[in-house]
Structures are given as structure tokens and as C-alpha cells.
Amino acid sequence: MQKVPYDDTPPLAGIGTRFLALVIDTIILAVLRLFLMILLAPQTLAQEFMLALILDIGTTVPYYWYFWTRAGGQTPGKSLLRIRVVAEGGEDLNDRQALLRVLGYYLGQLSIGLGFVWAAFNREQQGWHDKLAHSLVVASDRPARLIPRQKMDDRL
């Protein structure tokens, strides 16, 4: 892991760790989409294509937005691998940054992965999605917050 150029931000997460977290999250989303496709049972190939597109956007955007903004920057994949997404200054992502980062994920995919590979050649290990959202992926020793902080505090 490489030290981030910001004083109180933890060390950067490695590219391999980030990739594995992305694979875990992709599997979770694929299982959810498969379940919804079976449940909704499209009748034609055109319906199947449209439903797949709608489900992709309709599951991906809320999934990442929630975990990056309401659960301490850790998706289930990132939590398992003890890494998290933060803004360049070290704070949690805001809604705008999370949505820009998801948009960057799509741009990275449309470029046949070039947006993700970019992180391997960037000093701060930022892919296009990180550059777009001004975010970093760092090591984390804290457990994931699957319940938003406000609600956890109310329960105590």
C-alpha cells in the first residue's frame, strides 16, 4: 500500500484488492439482477434487453450510492477486503460524488476497462471514476456501517 499525499488519510488500497472488491460487488449485483429477471420473466428478446438495461442502472446506481454515502464508503466487497472509498480530503463521499463515481464506472466499462486500468498507472491509483468524483480508495480498519450512522446512534 502506498501512502496518500493527504496527511490524515489512510494508505491507498492496492489495485488487486480493489479489483477483487469490484468482483465481489459485481457478483452480488448479478445475483440480484438474475433474481429480478426470473421474477419479471420478459417474453421477448427485446423485452429482455430493455429489462436488463433498466435493472443494471436500477440496481447499480442505488447500490453504490447507498454504500458510498450512507454506509461509510464500504460496499460489501470493500468491507470484506477492509478498504473504503473517501473523498480526496479524507471525508465521506457526498451524493454528487457518489453519482459521478458510478457514472465513471460506466465510462470505464464502455472503454473496455481502460478507465479501471488507468488506476495502475496513476500516482494516487485513481481510475477515471475516482478522477471524476475526486475520490480515493484507502485501507480501512473499521467495520462497515450497513445501517446509516444516524439510525445506529438512535438505537444506542
Protein backbone atom coordinates (compact mmCIF):
# COMPACT_ATOMS: atom_id res chain seq x y z
CA MET A 1 0.00 0.00 0.00
CA GLN A 2 1.14 3.47 -0.84
CA LYS A 3 0.80 6.48 1.47
CA VAL A 4 -1.74 9.04 0.30
CA PRO A 5 -0.47 12.59 -0.22
CA TYR A 6 -3.03 13.89 2.30
CA ASP A 7 -1.95 13.97 5.95
CA ASP A 8 -4.75 12.20 7.80
CA THR A 9 -5.96 9.88 5.02
CA PRO A 10 -5.07 6.18 5.45
CA PRO A 11 -2.79 4.39 2.95
CA LEU A 12 -4.15 3.73 -0.53
CA ALA A 13 -5.68 0.32 -1.22
CA GLY A 14 -3.83 -1.88 -3.68
CA ILE A 15 -5.09 -2.38 -7.23
CA GLY A 16 -5.55 -6.14 -6.73
CA THR A 17 -7.61 -5.61 -3.58
CA ARG A 18 -9.76 -3.03 -5.34
CA PHE A 19 -10.31 -5.39 -8.27
CA LEU A 20 -11.33 -8.27 -6.01
CA ALA A 21 -13.80 -6.00 -4.15
CA LEU A 22 -15.29 -4.97 -7.50
CA VAL A 23 -15.65 -8.65 -8.48
CA ILE A 24 -17.47 -9.42 -5.20
CA ASP A 25 -19.84 -6.46 -5.66
CA THR A 26 -20.43 -7.41 -9.30
CA ILE A 27 -21.40 -10.94 -8.25
CA ILE A 28 -23.82 -9.59 -5.62
CA LEU A 29 -25.44 -7.29 -8.19
CA ALA A 30 -25.57 -10.07 -10.82
CA VAL A 31 -27.40 -12.42 -8.43
CA LEU A 32 -29.89 -9.66 -7.57
CA ARG A 33 -30.47 -8.89 -11.26
CA LEU A 34 -30.85 -12.57 -12.14
CA PHE A 35 -33.47 -12.98 -9.42
CA LEU A 36 -35.37 -9.94 -10.70
CA MET A 37 -35.14 -11.14 -14.34
CA ILE A 38 -36.62 -14.51 -13.34
CA LEU A 39 -39.31 -12.82 -11.27
CA LEU A 40 -40.29 -10.40 -14.04
CA ALA A 41 -39.95 -13.02 -16.85
CA PRO A 42 -39.62 -10.99 -20.07
CA GLN A 43 -41.39 -12.62 -23.05
CA THR A 44 -39.27 -11.44 -25.99
CA LEU A 45 -35.60 -10.76 -26.63
CA ALA A 46 -36.32 -7.02 -26.92
CA GLN A 47 -38.10 -7.04 -23.56
CA GLU A 48 -35.25 -8.99 -22.03
CA PHE A 49 -32.69 -6.48 -23.34
CA MET A 50 -34.66 -3.47 -22.09
CA LEU A 51 -35.30 -5.08 -18.72
CA ALA A 52 -31.61 -5.98 -18.37
CA LEU A 53 -30.64 -2.37 -19.10
CA ILE A 54 -33.20 -0.98 -16.67
CA LEU A 55 -32.17 -3.46 -13.96
CA ASP A 56 -28.49 -2.69 -14.49
CA ILE A 57 -28.96 1.02 -13.90
CA GLY A 58 -31.75 0.48 -11.36
CA THR A 59 -29.59 -1.73 -9.15
CA THR A 60 -26.08 -0.39 -9.75
CA VAL A 61 -26.72 3.28 -9.06
CA PRO A 62 -28.63 2.85 -5.76
CA TYR A 63 -26.30 0.07 -4.58
CA TYR A 64 -23.11 2.10 -4.91
CA TRP A 65 -24.73 5.40 -3.92
CA TYR A 66 -26.02 3.87 -0.67
CA PHE A 67 -22.81 2.15 0.38
CA TRP A 68 -20.54 5.03 -0.62
CA THR A 69 -22.61 7.75 1.07
CA ARG A 70 -24.63 6.09 3.85
CA ALA A 71 -22.50 3.11 4.91
CA GLY A 72 -19.09 4.69 5.44
CA GLY A 73 -17.79 4.23 1.88
CA GLN A 74 -17.77 0.44 2.07
CA THR A 75 -19.72 -1.83 -0.24
CA PRO A 76 -19.93 -5.46 0.93
CA GLY A 77 -16.92 -6.28 -1.27
CA LYS A 78 -14.88 -3.39 0.07
CA SER A 79 -15.89 -4.23 3.63
CA LEU A 80 -14.75 -7.85 3.27
CA LEU A 81 -11.38 -6.64 1.99
CA ARG A 82 -11.13 -3.82 4.55
CA ILE A 83 -10.98 -0.92 2.12
CA ARG A 84 -13.27 2.05 1.60
CA VAL A 85 -13.96 4.97 -0.71
CA VAL A 86 -13.30 8.50 0.56
CA ALA A 87 -13.17 11.96 -0.96
CA GLU A 88 -9.68 13.25 -1.77
CA GLY A 89 -9.65 15.16 1.51
CA GLY A 90 -10.40 12.00 3.50
CA GLU A 91 -14.07 12.69 4.28
CA ASP A 92 -17.03 10.52 3.23
CA LEU A 93 -18.34 10.97 -0.31
CA ASN A 94 -21.34 13.21 -0.80
CA ASP A 95 -24.29 12.31 -3.04
CA ARG A 96 -22.90 14.15 -6.08
CA GLN A 97 -19.50 12.47 -5.80
CA ALA A 98 -21.10 9.03 -5.48
CA LEU A 99 -23.24 9.56 -8.59
CA LEU A 100 -20.25 10.88 -10.54
CA ARG A 101 -18.23 7.85 -9.44
CA VAL A 102 -20.94 5.46 -10.69
CA LEU A 103 -21.01 7.39 -13.99
CA GLY A 104 -17.24 6.90 -14.11
CA TYR A 105 -17.74 3.14 -13.63
CA TYR A 106 -19.93 3.11 -16.74
CA LEU A 107 -17.37 5.16 -18.70
CA GLY A 108 -14.66 2.73 -17.60
CA GLN A 109 -16.73 -0.19 -18.84
CA LEU A 110 -17.55 1.49 -22.15
CA SER A 111 -13.83 1.99 -22.77
CA ILE A 112 -13.28 -1.78 -22.44
CA GLY A 113 -11.84 -1.35 -18.97
CA LEU A 114 -9.35 1.42 -19.74
CA GLY A 115 -10.91 3.64 -17.07
CA PHE A 116 -10.15 0.99 -14.44
CA VAL A 117 -6.68 0.09 -15.76
CA TRP A 118 -5.79 3.79 -15.56
CA ALA A 119 -5.53 3.41 -11.76
CA ALA A 120 -2.48 1.15 -12.14
CA PHE A 121 -0.55 3.95 -13.83
CA ASN A 122 -1.69 6.86 -11.69
CA ARG A 123 0.32 8.01 -8.65
CA GLU A 124 -2.79 8.20 -6.45
CA GLN A 125 -4.12 4.97 -8.01
CA GLN A 126 -7.19 6.78 -9.28
CA GLY A 127 -9.24 5.34 -12.12
CA TRP A 128 -11.38 7.58 -14.29
CA HIS A 129 -14.25 7.12 -11.84
CA ASP A 130 -12.03 8.38 -9.00
CA LYS A 131 -10.76 11.33 -11.04
CA LEU A 132 -14.33 12.28 -11.99
CA ALA A 133 -15.57 12.10 -8.38
CA HIS A 134 -12.36 13.32 -6.68
CA SER A 135 -12.24 10.11 -4.65
CA LEU A 136 -9.65 7.67 -3.33
CA VAL A 137 -9.84 4.05 -2.19
CA VAL A 138 -7.98 3.57 1.08
CA ALA A 139 -7.24 0.87 3.62
CA SER A 140 -9.79 0.67 6.41
CA ASP A 141 -9.61 -0.91 9.82
CA ARG A 142 -13.19 -0.05 10.70
CA PRO A 143 -16.12 -2.40 10.07
CA ALA A 144 -18.77 -1.48 7.54
CA ARG A 145 -21.78 0.55 8.64
CA LEU A 146 -24.65 -1.15 6.85
CA ILE A 147 -27.11 0.97 8.84
CA PRO A 148 -26.69 4.75 8.44
CA ARG A 149 -24.89 6.44 11.31
CA GLN A 150 -27.94 8.43 12.45
CA LYS A 151 -30.03 5.29 12.87
CA MET A 152 -27.25 3.43 14.68
CA ASP A 153 -26.88 6.32 17.12
CA ASP A 154 -30.66 6.32 17.76
CA ARG A 155 -30.54 2.64 18.72
CA LEU A 156 -27.85 3.17 21.38
